[in-house]
């Protein structure tokens, strides 16, 4: 008989998503950048000398580059490199946060539905999960319910803002109030999609005043580096230090480091892509409204659509047309919907044509 893992792991259902067979298709299923990174990123990777492949990664200057990039967008208080955590994607940052702060019997407080990886991260630590549903019919944020739940002193509060998949947005000042009201709770704000809404905490955050606040960022959704895996945590230096203690010394590979430097230096490319996504979203919403298709579009580079026909059939037909979307079947509050990532206007025109031809 094989050795048994911890009880939490033996009973854990791993987070899974389709990982294969997506190349060469119109990827509107995982909220990725749909056109690829800046040419400067491509040039920087191609310029890596082959002998450097044999050298362990070096991270000098990357934290400083993140600070400079964030400062250019506006910060409430100056940041230091010690306030930046580097991770092999935000998934790895989440895993490290729970590994450092979550323990058996602790509680994760979050919302529902939200990003699916939060749950297994909590479960593998033996944590209880309190997931407060968004308010129907417009998926409003359950602020008062969450405030009440904070009185129970959960170990971690995790807010995806804007939320994936509902797009629900919460004003930064309200999140700061929540953090200030619960100093014993680590308040983690997943800002992977904030570039599409401008709801970031960073222009108003003071990590000295709220050291229990932690912000997550990525270069996957905007800069086109999803395949290279690079993510950041921004917060008080002692919190960043504790999370870093449970990660490996070389978790981020040299190609991702080089790509991140180049992407952070070409913010104009990211801004241009975001602007195009917002134009494409406006165009698609206009088509949905004119056709009378039930939908929900709020924050993020995605929206929800409720087809008239079974969602599995529509997803399959779109797949046959070379277009990937994500079924939300069986998810609370949004069962029967499709989550559709927003790409360029041309890509969304292709999607809309195919959608109208689906059953």
Protein backbone atom coordinates (compact mmCIF):
# COMPACT_ATOMS: atom_id res chain seq x y z
CA UNK A 1 0.00 0.00 0.00
CA UNK A 2 1.33 3.42 -0.89
CA UNK A 3 2.09 5.95 1.86
CA UNK A 4 -0.86 8.16 2.76
CA UNK A 5 -0.70 11.94 2.56
CA UNK A 6 -2.09 14.28 5.18
CA UNK A 7 -5.86 13.81 5.71
CA UNK A 8 -6.50 17.21 4.12
CA UNK A 9 -4.73 16.10 0.95
CA UNK A 10 -6.34 12.66 0.86
CA UNK A 11 -9.76 14.30 0.80
CA UNK A 12 -8.80 17.13 -1.53
CA UNK A 13 -10.25 17.52 -5.00
CA UNK A 14 -7.53 19.27 -7.01
CA UNK A 15 -8.37 22.41 -8.94
CA UNK A 16 -8.44 21.45 -12.59
CA UNK A 17 -8.91 23.30 -15.85
CA UNK A 18 -8.40 22.28 -19.48
CA UNK A 19 -4.65 22.43 -20.07
CA UNK A 20 -4.14 20.89 -23.49
CA UNK A 21 -5.24 21.42 -27.07
CA UNK A 22 -5.80 25.16 -26.85
CA UNK A 23 -3.04 26.42 -29.15
CA UNK A 24 -4.08 27.72 -32.52
CA UNK A 25 -7.63 28.45 -31.37
CA UNK A 26 -9.34 31.70 -30.39
CA UNK A 27 -8.84 31.54 -26.62
CA UNK A 28 -11.79 33.21 -24.94
CA UNK A 29 -11.92 30.77 -22.03
CA UNK A 30 -9.19 31.72 -19.51
CA UNK A 31 -9.19 35.54 -19.64
CA UNK A 32 -5.70 35.63 -21.10
CA UNK A 33 -4.22 38.30 -23.31
CA UNK A 34 -5.34 37.13 -26.77
CA UNK A 35 -2.63 38.70 -28.95
CA UNK A 36 0.65 38.01 -27.15
CA UNK A 37 3.26 40.18 -25.45
CA UNK A 38 5.07 43.31 -26.48
CA UNK A 39 7.65 42.93 -29.28
CA UNK A 40 10.16 44.15 -26.71
CA UNK A 41 9.46 41.04 -24.63
CA UNK A 42 10.04 38.78 -27.62
CA UNK A 43 13.29 40.53 -28.47
CA UNK A 44 14.51 40.34 -24.89
CA UNK A 45 13.90 36.59 -24.67
CA UNK A 46 15.58 35.95 -28.01
CA UNK A 47 18.60 37.90 -26.83
CA UNK A 48 19.28 35.58 -23.87
CA UNK A 49 22.65 33.90 -24.58
CA UNK A 50 22.44 30.08 -24.62
CA UNK A 51 25.08 29.75 -21.91
CA UNK A 52 22.71 31.60 -19.54
CA UNK A 53 20.27 28.69 -19.74
CA UNK A 54 22.64 26.81 -17.42
CA UNK A 55 22.72 29.55 -14.78
CA UNK A 56 20.26 29.73 -11.90
CA UNK A 57 17.90 32.71 -12.17
CA UNK A 58 18.90 36.08 -10.75
CA UNK A 59 16.28 38.50 -9.50
CA UNK A 60 18.31 41.64 -8.86
CA UNK A 61 16.46 44.69 -10.11
CA UNK A 62 13.10 43.03 -10.75
CA UNK A 63 11.49 44.22 -7.53
CA UNK A 64 12.78 47.71 -8.26
CA UNK A 65 11.27 47.50 -11.76
CA UNK A 66 7.89 46.53 -10.30
CA UNK A 67 8.04 49.46 -7.87
CA UNK A 68 8.91 51.88 -10.69
CA UNK A 69 6.07 50.59 -12.86
CA UNK A 70 3.54 50.89 -10.03
CA UNK A 71 4.80 54.33 -9.03
CA UNK A 72 4.25 55.59 -12.57
CA UNK A 73 0.58 54.67 -12.22
CA UNK A 74 0.27 56.39 -8.86
CA UNK A 75 0.78 55.18 -5.30
CA UNK A 76 -0.77 56.31 -2.04
CA UNK A 77 2.56 55.82 -0.28
CA UNK A 78 6.01 55.05 -1.72
CA UNK A 79 6.92 51.38 -1.97
CA UNK A 80 10.27 49.73 -1.33
CA UNK A 81 11.59 46.59 -3.04
CA UNK A 82 11.10 44.70 0.24
CA UNK A 83 7.36 45.21 -0.19
CA UNK A 84 7.30 43.22 -3.44
CA UNK A 85 7.03 39.44 -3.48
CA UNK A 86 7.93 37.56 -6.67
CA UNK A 87 6.11 34.34 -7.55
CA UNK A 88 5.74 31.75 -10.28
CA UNK A 89 2.36 33.23 -11.17
CA UNK A 90 -0.33 34.43 -8.79
CA UNK A 91 -1.42 30.81 -8.28
CA UNK A 92 1.92 30.22 -6.55
CA UNK A 93 1.46 33.41 -4.53
CA UNK A 94 -1.94 32.18 -3.33
CA UNK A 95 -0.48 28.79 -2.41
CA UNK A 96 2.29 30.49 -0.44
CA UNK A 97 -0.14 32.79 1.37
CA UNK A 98 -2.22 29.87 2.58
CA UNK A 99 0.88 27.85 3.43
CA UNK A 100 2.23 30.71 5.54
CA UNK A 101 -0.99 31.93 7.17
CA UNK A 102 -3.62 29.19 6.97
CA UNK A 103 -3.87 26.46 9.57
CA UNK A 104 -6.23 23.66 10.51
CA UNK A 105 -9.37 25.12 12.06
CA UNK A 106 -8.79 28.63 10.70
CA UNK A 107 -11.38 30.23 8.43
CA UNK A 108 -11.10 31.60 4.92
CA UNK A 109 -13.74 34.26 4.29
CA UNK A 110 -14.52 34.97 0.65
CA UNK A 111 -17.38 35.43 -1.80
CA UNK A 112 -19.26 33.10 -4.14
CA UNK A 113 -18.88 32.45 -6.98
CA UNK A 114 -15.25 33.45 -7.34
CA UNK A 115 -11.92 32.11 -8.63
CA UNK A 116 -11.93 28.36 -8.04
CA UNK A 117 -8.34 27.98 -6.81
CA UNK A 118 -9.01 29.74 -3.49
CA UNK A 119 -10.98 26.76 -2.18
CA UNK A 120 -8.37 23.99 -2.62
CA UNK A 121 -5.67 26.28 -1.22
CA UNK A 122 -7.72 26.62 1.95
CA UNK A 123 -8.72 22.97 2.05
CA UNK A 124 -5.16 21.70 1.81
CA UNK A 125 -4.41 23.59 5.02
CA UNK A 126 -7.48 22.17 6.76
CA UNK A 127 -9.24 25.52 6.86
CA UNK A 128 -12.97 26.09 7.05
CA UNK A 129 -14.44 28.15 4.21
CA UNK A 130 -17.16 30.76 4.57
CA UNK A 131 -18.23 31.91 1.10
CA UNK A 132 -20.83 34.67 1.05
CA UNK A 133 -22.92 34.78 -2.15
CA UNK A 134 -23.15 37.86 -4.31
CA UNK A 135 -26.51 39.62 -4.32
CA UNK A 136 -28.93 38.87 -7.10
CA UNK A 137 -30.08 39.97 -9.60
CA UNK A 138 -27.02 42.07 -10.48
CA UNK A 139 -24.32 40.24 -8.47
CA UNK A 140 -23.89 43.11 -6.04
CA UNK A 141 -21.13 42.85 -3.46
CA UNK A 142 -22.40 41.47 -0.11
CA UNK A 143 -20.66 44.16 1.93
CA UNK A 144 -22.79 44.12 5.08
CA UNK A 145 -22.81 40.32 5.22
CA UNK A 146 -19.04 40.29 4.88
CA UNK A 147 -18.61 42.95 7.57
CA UNK A 148 -20.67 40.83 9.93
CA UNK A 149 -18.62 37.73 9.12
CA UNK A 150 -15.40 39.61 9.90
CA UNK A 151 -16.55 39.83 13.51
CA UNK A 152 -15.69 36.14 13.74
CA UNK A 153 -12.00 36.94 13.10
CA UNK A 154 -11.34 34.79 10.01
CA UNK A 155 -7.68 34.12 9.36
CA UNK A 156 -7.82 35.25 5.72
CA UNK A 157 -10.28 37.40 3.78
CA UNK A 158 -9.85 36.98 0.04
CA UNK A 159 -11.54 39.41 -2.37
CA UNK A 160 -11.18 39.20 -6.14
CA UNK A 161 -11.69 42.77 -7.36
CA UNK A 162 -13.13 42.90 -9.95
CA UNK A 163 -14.44 39.44 -9.27
CA UNK A 164 -13.89 36.53 -11.60
CA UNK A 165 -16.38 35.44 -12.98
CA UNK A 166 -19.14 37.95 -12.08
CA UNK A 167 -17.13 41.13 -12.69
CA UNK A 168 -18.41 42.57 -9.41
CA UNK A 169 -16.47 45.64 -8.30
CA UNK A 170 -15.89 47.01 -4.82
CA UNK A 171 -14.62 50.55 -4.31
CA UNK A 172 -11.05 50.67 -2.94
CA UNK A 173 -12.01 52.80 0.05
CA UNK A 174 -14.48 50.15 1.19
CA UNK A 175 -11.80 47.46 1.05
CA UNK A 176 -9.45 49.68 3.03
CA UNK A 177 -12.18 50.14 5.64
CA UNK A 178 -12.60 46.37 5.87
CA UNK A 179 -8.87 45.89 6.39
CA UNK A 180 -8.73 48.60 9.05
CA UNK A 181 -11.68 47.05 10.89
CA UNK A 182 -10.08 43.59 11.09
CA UNK A 183 -6.38 43.95 11.97
CA UNK A 184 -6.13 40.27 12.92
CA UNK A 185 -7.27 39.10 9.48
CA UNK A 186 -4.99 38.98 6.46
CA UNK A 187 -6.97 40.82 3.77
CA UNK A 188 -5.84 39.61 0.35
CA UNK A 189 -7.08 41.48 -2.72
CA UNK A 190 -6.69 39.71 -6.04
CA UNK A 191 -6.24 42.52 -8.58
CA UNK A 192 -5.49 40.47 -11.67
CA UNK A 193 -8.19 42.30 -13.63
CA UNK A 194 -7.99 45.79 -12.14
CA UNK A 195 -6.36 47.25 -15.28
CA UNK A 196 -9.70 46.90 -17.04
CA UNK A 197 -11.57 48.89 -14.38
CA UNK A 198 -9.10 51.13 -12.56
CA UNK A 199 -10.23 49.95 -9.11
CA UNK A 200 -6.78 49.35 -7.64
CA UNK A 201 -6.08 49.87 -3.96
CA UNK A 202 -2.52 50.99 -4.56
CA UNK A 203 -3.20 54.70 -5.23
CA UNK A 204 -4.76 54.97 -1.76
CA UNK A 205 -3.20 52.13 0.25
CA UNK A 206 -0.93 52.77 3.23
CA UNK A 207 0.62 49.45 4.22
CA UNK A 208 2.08 50.99 7.38
CA UNK A 209 -1.44 51.84 8.56
CA UNK A 210 -2.95 48.53 7.35
CA UNK A 211 -0.12 45.97 7.48
CA UNK A 212 -2.72 43.19 7.19
CA UNK A 213 -3.46 44.20 3.58
CA UNK A 214 -1.96 42.31 0.64
CA UNK A 215 -2.47 43.00 -3.09
CA UNK A 216 -1.85 40.47 -5.87
CA UNK A 217 -0.91 41.41 -9.44
CA UNK A 218 0.06 39.49 -12.57
CA UNK A 219 1.45 40.01 -16.06
CA UNK A 220 -0.77 37.27 -17.52
CA UNK A 221 -4.01 39.10 -18.28
CA UNK A 222 -2.63 42.31 -19.76
CA UNK A 223 1.03 41.86 -20.72
CA UNK A 224 0.60 38.45 -22.32
CA UNK A 225 2.97 36.44 -20.11
CA UNK A 226 0.56 33.73 -18.93
CA UNK A 227 2.77 30.99 -20.37
CA UNK A 228 5.85 32.22 -18.52
CA UNK A 229 4.21 32.50 -15.06
CA UNK A 230 5.09 35.68 -13.19
CA UNK A 231 3.09 37.24 -10.39
CA UNK A 232 3.59 39.73 -7.60
CA UNK A 233 2.40 40.34 -4.07
CA UNK A 234 2.49 43.88 -2.72
CA UNK A 235 2.18 44.63 0.98
CA UNK A 236 3.95 45.35 4.24
CA UNK A 237 7.54 44.10 4.19
CA UNK A 238 7.08 41.72 7.18
CA UNK A 239 4.13 40.03 5.48
CA UNK A 240 6.03 39.69 2.20
CA UNK A 241 8.95 38.21 4.13
CA UNK A 242 6.77 35.58 5.82
CA UNK A 243 5.19 34.51 2.55
CA UNK A 244 8.61 34.31 0.91
CA UNK A 245 9.82 31.90 3.59
CA UNK A 246 7.60 29.11 2.22
CA UNK A 247 8.69 29.43 -1.41
CA UNK A 248 11.69 27.97 -3.20
CA UNK A 249 14.81 30.03 -3.93
CA UNK A 250 14.49 29.71 -7.73
CA UNK A 251 10.75 29.37 -8.34
CA UNK A 252 10.72 31.90 -11.20
CA UNK A 253 12.74 30.93 -14.27
CA UNK A 254 15.17 33.21 -16.09
CA UNK A 255 12.96 33.57 -19.16
CA UNK A 256 10.10 34.89 -17.00
CA UNK A 257 12.45 37.33 -15.26
CA UNK A 258 13.72 38.69 -18.59
CA UNK A 259 10.19 38.92 -19.98
CA UNK A 260 8.92 40.70 -16.87
CA UNK A 261 11.64 43.35 -17.09
CA UNK A 262 10.76 44.02 -20.73
CA UNK A 263 7.01 44.03 -20.14
CA UNK A 264 7.24 46.39 -17.19
CA UNK A 265 9.35 48.74 -19.31
CA UNK A 266 6.73 48.84 -22.09
CA UNK A 267 3.63 50.00 -20.25
CA UNK A 268 2.44 51.74 -23.41
CA UNK A 269 1.91 48.34 -25.05
CA UNK A 270 -0.18 47.13 -22.10
CA UNK A 271 -2.21 50.34 -22.05
CA UNK A 272 -2.91 50.01 -25.76
CA UNK A 273 -4.06 46.41 -25.38
CA UNK A 274 -6.33 47.27 -22.45
CA UNK A 275 -7.88 50.13 -24.43
CA UNK A 276 -8.60 47.76 -27.33
CA UNK A 277 -10.22 45.23 -25.00
CA UNK A 278 -12.47 47.92 -23.58
CA UNK A 279 -13.51 48.98 -27.08
CA UNK A 280 -14.22 45.36 -27.97
CA UNK A 281 -16.28 44.86 -24.81
CA UNK A 282 -18.38 47.92 -25.63
CA UNK A 283 -18.97 46.61 -29.14
CA UNK A 284 -19.97 43.13 -27.96
CA UNK A 285 -22.32 44.47 -25.27
CA UNK A 286 -24.04 46.56 -27.93
CA UNK A 287 -24.59 43.43 -30.03
CA UNK A 288 -25.91 41.49 -27.06
CA UNK A 289 -28.30 44.26 -26.14
CA UNK A 290 -29.57 44.65 -29.70
CA UNK A 291 -30.14 40.89 -29.98
CA UNK A 292 -31.85 40.65 -26.60
CA UNK A 293 -29.34 38.13 -25.26
CA UNK A 294 -29.21 37.90 -21.48
CA UNK A 295 -25.77 38.89 -20.30
CA UNK A 296 -23.85 40.49 -17.44
CA UNK A 297 -20.88 42.77 -18.07
CA UNK A 298 -19.23 44.63 -15.21
CA UNK A 299 -15.47 44.62 -14.52
CA UNK A 300 -12.66 42.59 -16.02
CA UNK A 301 -11.85 41.39 -19.53
CA UNK A 302 -14.79 38.96 -19.61
CA UNK A 303 -18.57 38.84 -19.39
CA UNK A 304 -21.30 36.28 -18.80
CA UNK A 305 -23.83 35.18 -21.42
CA UNK A 306 -26.89 32.98 -20.88
CA UNK A 307 -27.62 31.15 -24.17
CA UNK A 308 -31.15 30.10 -25.03
CA UNK A 309 -29.90 26.59 -25.79
CA UNK A 310 -28.07 24.27 -23.35
CA UNK A 311 -24.76 25.80 -22.45
CA UNK A 312 -22.82 22.59 -23.15
CA UNK A 313 -24.15 22.47 -26.71
CA UNK A 314 -23.26 26.10 -27.40
CA UNK A 315 -19.78 25.63 -25.91
CA UNK A 316 -19.26 22.57 -28.12
CA UNK A 317 -20.44 24.30 -31.28
CA UNK A 318 -18.18 27.26 -30.64
CA UNK A 319 -15.31 24.84 -30.08
CA UNK A 320 -16.01 23.26 -33.44
CA UNK A 321 -15.67 26.75 -34.92
CA UNK A 322 -12.25 27.11 -33.28
CA UNK A 323 -13.44 29.33 -30.42
CA UNK A 324 -12.95 28.39 -26.76
CA UNK A 325 -15.27 29.74 -24.06
CA UNK A 326 -15.83 28.58 -20.47
CA UNK A 327 -19.04 26.97 -19.27
CA UNK A 328 -20.20 28.07 -15.83
CA UNK A 329 -22.46 25.03 -15.47
CA UNK A 330 -23.14 24.07 -11.83
CA UNK A 331 -21.50 27.19 -10.43
CA UNK A 332 -23.63 28.94 -7.81
CA UNK A 333 -25.78 31.83 -9.07
CA UNK A 334 -24.49 31.59 -12.66
CA UNK A 335 -25.39 28.04 -13.71
CA UNK A 336 -26.31 27.93 -17.39
CA UNK A 337 -24.04 30.78 -18.43
CA UNK A 338 -20.89 31.06 -20.49
CA UNK A 339 -17.95 33.19 -19.42
CA UNK A 340 -16.51 34.81 -22.52
CA UNK A 341 -13.11 36.51 -22.39
CA UNK A 342 -12.79 39.75 -24.33
CA UNK A 343 -10.05 40.07 -26.92
CA UNK A 344 -9.76 42.52 -29.79
CA UNK A 345 -12.75 43.90 -31.67
CA UNK A 346 -11.92 41.70 -34.64
CA UNK A 347 -11.80 38.63 -32.41
CA UNK A 348 -15.12 39.47 -30.80
CA UNK A 349 -16.69 39.97 -34.21
CA UNK A 350 -15.56 36.45 -35.07
CA UNK A 351 -17.03 35.16 -31.79
CA UNK A 352 -20.36 36.93 -32.36
CA UNK A 353 -20.72 35.53 -35.86
CA UNK A 354 -20.08 32.02 -34.58
CA UNK A 355 -22.37 32.50 -31.57
CA UNK A 356 -25.29 33.46 -33.78
CA UNK A 357 -24.77 30.27 -35.76
CA UNK A 358 -24.58 28.05 -32.66
CA UNK A 359 -27.74 26.13 -31.64
